[in-house]
Amino acid sequence: MPKILVTNDDGIDSEGIKALADSLSSLGEIIVVAPSTDMTAVSHSLTLHSPLRIEKRDEGRYAVTGTPTDC
């Protein structure tokens, strides 16, 4: 079964990322990695001088204290 990475810039709790992950679930193992907060309009930014923290929210769902690119 393939692994499918789903990410966004709207944050881990956005309805859109939940809907996308649900719609893809029959195609493989879904892994969601997204910013812990809404990071709209900073998609190409990188976190260079701060540690990144990763929080496991549920099985296959992770929130990152960074930008979408960090995810």
PDB file of N, CA and C in Angstrom:
ATOM      1  N   MET A   1       0.842  -1.172   0.000  1.00  0.00           N
ATOM      2  CA  MET A   1       0.000   0.000   0.000  1.00  0.00           C
ATOM      3  C   MET A   1       0.895   1.246   0.000  1.00  0.00           C
ATOM      4  N   PRO A   2       0.675   2.189  -0.898  1.00  0.00           N
ATOM      5  CA  PRO A   2       1.518   3.385  -0.955  1.00  0.00           C
ATOM      6  C   PRO A   2       1.276   4.312   0.232  1.00  0.00           C
ATOM      7  N   LYS A   3       2.298   5.087   0.552  1.00  0.00           N
ATOM      8  CA  LYS A   3       2.165   6.128   1.571  1.00  0.00           C
ATOM      9  C   LYS A   3       1.941   7.452   0.855  1.00  0.00           C
ATOM     10  N   ILE A   4       0.970   8.215   1.325  1.00  0.00           N
ATOM     11  CA  ILE A   4       0.619   9.490   0.712  1.00  0.00           C
ATOM     12  C   ILE A   4       0.782  10.585   1.757  1.00  0.00           C
ATOM     13  N   LEU A   5       1.642  11.558   1.464  1.00  0.00           N
ATOM     14  CA  LEU A   5       1.862  12.688   2.362  1.00  0.00           C
ATOM     15  C   LEU A   5       0.913  13.818   1.986  1.00  0.00           C
ATOM     16  N   VAL A   6       0.182  14.316   2.976  1.00  0.00           N
ATOM     17  CA  VAL A   6      -0.739  15.435   2.777  1.00  0.00           C
ATOM     18  C   VAL A   6      -0.275  16.580   3.675  1.00  0.00           C
ATOM     19  N   THR A   7      -0.130  17.765   3.092  1.00  0.00           N
ATOM     20  CA  THR A   7       0.250  18.942   3.866  1.00  0.00           C
ATOM     21  C   THR A   7      -0.472  20.160   3.304  1.00  0.00           C
ATOM     22  N   ASN A   8      -0.403  21.271   4.013  1.00  0.00           N
ATOM     23  CA  ASN A   8      -1.056  22.497   3.558  1.00  0.00           C
ATOM     24  C   ASN A   8      -0.416  23.691   4.248  1.00  0.00           C
ATOM     25  N   ASP A   9      -0.973  24.864   4.012  1.00  0.00           N
ATOM     26  CA  ASP A   9      -0.513  26.049   4.737  1.00  0.00           C
ATOM     27  C   ASP A   9      -1.591  26.608   5.659  1.00  0.00           C
ATOM     28  N   ASP A  10      -2.737  25.942   5.708  1.00  0.00           N
ATOM     29  CA  ASP A  10      -3.854  26.397   6.543  1.00  0.00           C
ATOM     30  C   ASP A  10      -3.809  25.843   7.963  1.00  0.00           C
ATOM     31  N   GLY A  11      -2.929  24.895   8.223  1.00  0.00           N
ATOM     32  CA  GLY A  11      -2.797  24.338   9.560  1.00  0.00           C
ATOM     33  C   GLY A  11      -3.428  22.965   9.707  1.00  0.00           C
ATOM     34  N   ILE A  12      -2.977  22.250  10.705  1.00  0.00           N
ATOM     35  CA  ILE A  12      -3.390  20.868  10.946  1.00  0.00           C
ATOM     36  C   ILE A  12      -4.881  20.740  11.232  1.00  0.00           C
ATOM     37  N   ASP A  13      -5.498  21.765  11.789  1.00  0.00           N
ATOM     38  CA  ASP A  13      -6.908  21.688  12.169  1.00  0.00           C
ATOM     39  C   ASP A  13      -7.871  22.203  11.098  1.00  0.00           C
ATOM     40  N   SER A  14      -7.376  22.523   9.912  1.00  0.00           N
ATOM     41  CA  SER A  14      -8.267  23.046   8.868  1.00  0.00           C
ATOM     42  C   SER A  14      -9.190  21.949   8.343  1.00  0.00           C
ATOM     43  N   GLU A  15     -10.390  22.343   7.986  1.00  0.00           N
ATOM     44  CA  GLU A  15     -11.361  21.385   7.443  1.00  0.00           C
ATOM     45  C   GLU A  15     -10.892  20.828   6.103  1.00  0.00           C
ATOM     46  N   GLY A  16     -10.203  21.650   5.313  1.00  0.00           N
ATOM     47  CA  GLY A  16      -9.757  21.215   3.991  1.00  0.00           C
ATOM     48  C   GLY A  16      -8.783  20.058   4.034  1.00  0.00           C
ATOM     49  N   ILE A  17      -7.827  20.096   4.950  1.00  0.00           N
ATOM     50  CA  ILE A  17      -6.843  19.015   5.014  1.00  0.00           C
ATOM     51  C   ILE A  17      -7.487  17.730   5.527  1.00  0.00           C
ATOM     52  N   LYS A  18      -8.465  17.873   6.419  1.00  0.00           N
ATOM     53  CA  LYS A  18      -9.191  16.692   6.894  1.00  0.00           C
ATOM     54  C   LYS A  18      -9.975  16.060   5.752  1.00  0.00           C
ATOM     55  N   ALA A  19     -10.657  16.882   4.957  1.00  0.00           N
ATOM     56  CA  ALA A  19     -11.442  16.368   3.834  1.00  0.00           C
ATOM     57  C   ALA A  19     -10.547  15.712   2.793  1.00  0.00           C
ATOM     58  N   LEU A  20      -9.396  16.317   2.507  1.00  0.00           N
ATOM     59  CA  LEU A  20      -8.471  15.743   1.532  1.00  0.00           C
ATOM     60  C   LEU A  20      -7.940  14.400   2.010  1.00  0.00           C
ATOM     61  N   ALA A  21      -7.514  14.337   3.262  1.00  0.00           N
ATOM     62  CA  ALA A  21      -7.001  13.080   3.812  1.00  0.00           C
ATOM     63  C   ALA A  21      -8.071  11.995   3.787  1.00  0.00           C
ATOM     64  N   ASP A  22      -9.288  12.340   4.156  1.00  0.00           N
ATOM     65  CA  ASP A  22     -10.387  11.365   4.129  1.00  0.00           C
ATOM     66  C   ASP A  22     -10.654  10.868   2.716  1.00  0.00           C
ATOM     67  N   SER A  23     -10.630  11.770   1.738  1.00  0.00           N
ATOM     68  CA  SER A  23     -10.939  11.372   0.363  1.00  0.00           C
ATOM     69  C   SER A  23      -9.852  10.501  -0.247  1.00  0.00           C
ATOM     70  N   LEU A  24      -8.626  10.587   0.261  1.00  0.00           N
ATOM     71  CA  LEU A  24      -7.519   9.787  -0.268  1.00  0.00           C
ATOM     72  C   LEU A  24      -7.309   8.477   0.484  1.00  0.00           C
ATOM     73  N   SER A  25      -8.009   8.277   1.572  1.00  0.00           N
ATOM     74  CA  SER A  25      -7.730   7.148   2.465  1.00  0.00           C
ATOM     75  C   SER A  25      -7.856   5.784   1.798  1.00  0.00           C
ATOM     76  N   SER A  26      -8.666   5.662   0.783  1.00  0.00           N
ATOM     77  CA  SER A  26      -8.809   4.363   0.114  1.00  0.00           C
ATOM     78  C   SER A  26      -7.641   4.068  -0.826  1.00  0.00           C
ATOM     79  N   LEU A  27      -6.781   5.052  -1.076  1.00  0.00           N
ATOM     80  CA  LEU A  27      -5.676   4.879  -2.024  1.00  0.00           C
ATOM     81  C   LEU A  27      -4.370   4.452  -1.372  1.00  0.00           C
ATOM     82  N   GLY A  28      -4.271   4.566  -0.053  1.00  0.00           N
ATOM     83  CA  GLY A  28      -3.033   4.207   0.617  1.00  0.00           C
ATOM     84  C   GLY A  28      -3.007   4.702   2.047  1.00  0.00           C
ATOM     85  N   GLU A  29      -1.839   4.584   2.656  1.00  0.00           N
ATOM     86  CA  GLU A  29      -1.642   5.062   4.027  1.00  0.00           C
ATOM     87  C   GLU A  29      -1.438   6.573   3.987  1.00  0.00           C
ATOM     88  N   ILE A  30      -2.311   7.297   4.637  1.00  0.00           N
ATOM     89  CA  ILE A  30      -2.259   8.756   4.623  1.00  0.00           C
ATOM     90  C   ILE A  30      -1.474   9.252   5.831  1.00  0.00           C
ATOM     91  N   ILE A  31      -0.499  10.117   5.576  1.00  0.00           N
ATOM     92  CA  ILE A  31       0.266  10.762   6.636  1.00  0.00           C
ATOM     93  C   ILE A  31       0.078  12.261   6.454  1.00  0.00           C
ATOM     94  N   VAL A  32      -0.480  12.913   7.461  1.00  0.00           N
ATOM     95  CA  VAL A  32      -0.731  14.350   7.420  1.00  0.00           C
ATOM     96  C   VAL A  32       0.320  15.041   8.279  1.00  0.00           C
ATOM     97  N   VAL A  33       1.059  15.960   7.678  1.00  0.00           N
ATOM     98  CA  VAL A  33       2.042  16.771   8.392  1.00  0.00           C
ATOM     99  C   VAL A  33       1.777  18.215   7.982  1.00  0.00           C
ATOM    100  N   ALA A  34       1.362  19.027   8.930  1.00  0.00           N
ATOM    101  CA  ALA A  34       0.983  20.403   8.619  1.00  0.00           C
ATOM    102  C   ALA A  34       1.375  21.320   9.766  1.00  0.00           C
ATOM    103  N   PRO A  35       1.456  22.618   9.488  1.00  0.00           N
ATOM    104  CA  PRO A  35       1.776  23.564  10.558  1.00  0.00           C
ATOM    105  C   PRO A  35       0.751  23.490  11.689  1.00  0.00           C
ATOM    106  N   SER A  36       1.205  23.752  12.896  1.00  0.00           N
ATOM    107  CA  SER A  36       0.302  23.698  14.047  1.00  0.00           C
ATOM    108  C   SER A  36      -0.689  24.862  14.050  1.00  0.00           C
ATOM    109  N   THR A  37      -0.394  25.923  13.303  1.00  0.00           N
ATOM    110  CA  THR A  37      -1.298  27.067  13.165  1.00  0.00           C
ATOM    111  C   THR A  37      -1.409  27.447  11.696  1.00  0.00           C
ATOM    112  N   ASP A  38      -2.352  28.294  11.382  1.00  0.00           N
ATOM    113  CA  ASP A  38      -2.537  28.783  10.014  1.00  0.00           C
ATOM    114  C   ASP A  38      -1.294  29.562   9.584  1.00  0.00           C
ATOM    115  N   MET A  39      -0.681  29.137   8.488  1.00  0.00           N
ATOM    116  CA  MET A  39       0.518  29.792   7.962  1.00  0.00           C
ATOM    117  C   MET A  39       0.292  30.249   6.523  1.00  0.00           C
ATOM    118  N   THR A  40      -0.937  30.632   6.203  1.00  0.00           N
ATOM    119  CA  THR A  40      -1.260  31.091   4.861  1.00  0.00           C
ATOM    120  C   THR A  40      -0.345  32.248   4.462  1.00  0.00           C
ATOM    121  N   ALA A  41       0.141  32.199   3.230  1.00  0.00           N
ATOM    122  CA  ALA A  41       0.986  33.229   2.612  1.00  0.00           C
ATOM    123  C   ALA A  41       2.447  33.173   3.050  1.00  0.00           C
ATOM    124  N   VAL A  42       2.862  32.138   3.751  1.00  0.00           N
ATOM    125  CA  VAL A  42       4.283  31.977   4.087  1.00  0.00           C
ATOM    126  C   VAL A  42       4.806  30.637   3.564  1.00  0.00           C
ATOM    127  N   SER A  43       4.183  30.125   2.538  1.00  0.00           N
ATOM    128  CA  SER A  43       4.450  28.769   2.060  1.00  0.00           C
ATOM    129  C   SER A  43       5.909  28.477   1.749  1.00  0.00           C
ATOM    130  N   HIS A  44       6.678  29.437   1.254  1.00  0.00           N
ATOM    131  CA  HIS A  44       8.068  29.166   0.871  1.00  0.00           C
ATOM    132  C   HIS A  44       9.073  29.533   1.961  1.00  0.00           C
ATOM    133  N   SER A  45       8.611  29.988   3.087  1.00  0.00           N
ATOM    134  CA  SER A  45       9.507  30.353   4.183  1.00  0.00           C
ATOM    135  C   SER A  45      10.074  29.104   4.846  1.00  0.00           C
ATOM    136  N   LEU A  46      11.273  29.230   5.367  1.00  0.00           N
ATOM    137  CA  LEU A  46      11.923  28.155   6.119  1.00  0.00           C
ATOM    138  C   LEU A  46      12.218  28.635   7.533  1.00  0.00           C
ATOM    139  N   THR A  47      12.178  27.731   8.474  1.00  0.00           N
ATOM    140  CA  THR A  47      12.597  28.035   9.838  1.00  0.00           C
ATOM    141  C   THR A  47      14.062  27.652   9.949  1.00  0.00           C
ATOM    142  N   LEU A  48      14.925  28.646  10.153  1.00  0.00           N
ATOM    143  CA  LEU A  48      16.362  28.385  10.162  1.00  0.00           C
ATOM    144  C   LEU A  48      17.001  28.522  11.539  1.00  0.00           C
ATOM    145  N   HIS A  49      16.477  29.379  12.385  1.00  0.00           N
ATOM    146  CA  HIS A  49      17.166  29.680  13.641  1.00  0.00           C
ATOM    147  C   HIS A  49      16.351  29.346  14.882  1.00  0.00           C
ATOM    148  N   SER A  50      15.356  28.519  14.729  1.00  0.00           N
ATOM    149  CA  SER A  50      14.534  28.084  15.858  1.00  0.00           C
ATOM    150  C   SER A  50      14.330  26.579  15.759  1.00  0.00           C
ATOM    151  N   PRO A  51      14.229  25.901  16.881  1.00  0.00           N
ATOM    152  CA  PRO A  51      13.971  24.459  16.815  1.00  0.00           C
ATOM    153  C   PRO A  51      12.551  24.182  16.325  1.00  0.00           C
ATOM    154  N   LEU A  52      12.396  23.111  15.578  1.00  0.00           N
ATOM    155  CA  LEU A  52      11.073  22.662  15.150  1.00  0.00           C
ATOM    156  C   LEU A  52      10.574  21.635  16.146  1.00  0.00           C
ATOM    157  N   ARG A  53       9.326  21.741  16.487  1.00  0.00           N
ATOM    158  CA  ARG A  53       8.708  20.767  17.383  1.00  0.00           C
ATOM    159  C   ARG A  53       7.613  20.055  16.610  1.00  0.00           C
ATOM    160  N   ILE A  54       7.548  18.759  16.801  1.00  0.00           N
ATOM    161  CA  ILE A  54       6.541  17.939  16.126  1.00  0.00           C
ATOM    162  C   ILE A  54       5.661  17.312  17.187  1.00  0.00           C
ATOM    163  N   GLU A  55       4.364  17.477  17.025  1.00  0.00           N
ATOM    164  CA  GLU A  55       3.395  16.916  17.962  1.00  0.00           C
ATOM    165  C   GLU A  55       2.525  15.910  17.221  1.00  0.00           C
ATOM    166  N   LYS A  56       2.501  14.681  17.709  1.00  0.00           N
ATOM    167  CA  LYS A  56       1.620  13.677  17.123  1.00  0.00           C
ATOM    168  C   LYS A  56       0.208  13.937  17.626  1.00  0.00           C
ATOM    169  N   ARG A  57      -0.716  14.217  16.713  1.00  0.00           N
ATOM    170  CA  ARG A  57      -2.102  14.512  17.084  1.00  0.00           C
ATOM    171  C   ARG A  57      -2.941  13.241  17.141  1.00  0.00           C
ATOM    172  N   ASP A  58      -2.803  12.420  16.140  1.00  0.00           N
ATOM    173  CA  ASP A  58      -3.493  11.136  16.030  1.00  0.00           C
ATOM    174  C   ASP A  58      -2.582  10.229  15.226  1.00  0.00           C
ATOM    175  N   GLU A  59      -3.004   9.006  15.017  1.00  0.00           N
ATOM    176  CA  GLU A  59      -2.235   8.104  14.164  1.00  0.00           C
ATOM    177  C   GLU A  59      -2.140   8.705  12.763  1.00  0.00           C
ATOM    178  N   GLY A  60      -0.921   8.949  12.304  1.00  0.00           N
ATOM    179  CA  GLY A  60      -0.715   9.487  10.964  1.00  0.00           C
ATOM    180  C   GLY A  60      -0.957  10.980  10.821  1.00  0.00           C
ATOM    181  N   ARG A  61      -1.120  11.723  11.942  1.00  0.00           N
ATOM    182  CA  ARG A  61      -1.352  13.173  11.896  1.00  0.00           C
ATOM    183  C   ARG A  61      -0.363  13.878  12.821  1.00  0.00           C
ATOM    184  N   TYR A  62       0.418  14.799  12.230  1.00  0.00           N
ATOM    185  CA  TYR A  62       1.465  15.480  12.975  1.00  0.00           C
ATOM    186  C   TYR A  62       1.385  16.988  12.760  1.00  0.00           C
ATOM    187  N   ALA A  63       1.508  17.752  13.841  1.00  0.00           N
ATOM    188  CA  ALA A  63       1.543  19.211  13.780  1.00  0.00           C
ATOM    189  C   ALA A  63       2.985  19.660  13.995  1.00  0.00           C
ATOM    190  N   VAL A  64       3.440  20.600  13.177  1.00  0.00           N
ATOM    191  CA  VAL A  64       4.810  21.097  13.231  1.00  0.00           C
ATOM    192  C   VAL A  64       4.783  22.581  13.583  1.00  0.00           C
ATOM    193  N   THR A  65       5.646  22.997  14.504  1.00  0.00           N
ATOM    194  CA  THR A  65       5.732  24.418  14.860  1.00  0.00           C
ATOM    195  C   THR A  65       6.647  25.124  13.874  1.00  0.00           C
ATOM    196  N   GLY A  66       6.281  25.075  12.632  1.00  0.00           N
ATOM    197  CA  GLY A  66       7.075  25.696  11.579  1.00  0.00           C
ATOM    198  C   GLY A  66       6.192  26.042  10.401  1.00  0.00           C
ATOM    199  N   THR A  67       6.822  26.287   9.284  1.00  0.00           N
ATOM    200  CA  THR A  67       6.115  26.687   8.073  1.00  0.00           C
ATOM    201  C   THR A  67       5.730  25.461   7.245  1.00  0.00           C
ATOM    202  N   PRO A  68       4.909  25.638   6.220  1.00  0.00           N
ATOM    203  CA  PRO A  68       4.565  24.514   5.346  1.00  0.00           C
ATOM    204  C   PRO A  68       5.801  23.856   4.721  1.00  0.00           C
ATOM    205  N   THR A  69       6.805  24.645   4.368  1.00  0.00           N
ATOM    206  CA  THR A  69       8.025  24.077   3.796  1.00  0.00           C
ATOM    207  C   THR A  69       8.746  23.200   4.811  1.00  0.00           C
ATOM    208  N   ASP A  70       8.732  23.577   6.064  1.00  0.00           N
ATOM    209  CA  ASP A  70       9.331  22.752   7.113  1.00  0.00           C
ATOM    210  C   ASP A  70       8.632  21.397   7.219  1.00  0.00           C
ATOM    211  N   CYS A  71       7.342  21.398   6.967  1.00  0.00           N
ATOM    212  CA  CYS A  71       6.575  20.157   7.073  1.00  0.00           C
ATOM    213  C   CYS A  71       7.013  19.157   6.021  1.00  0.00           C
TER     214      CYS A  71
END
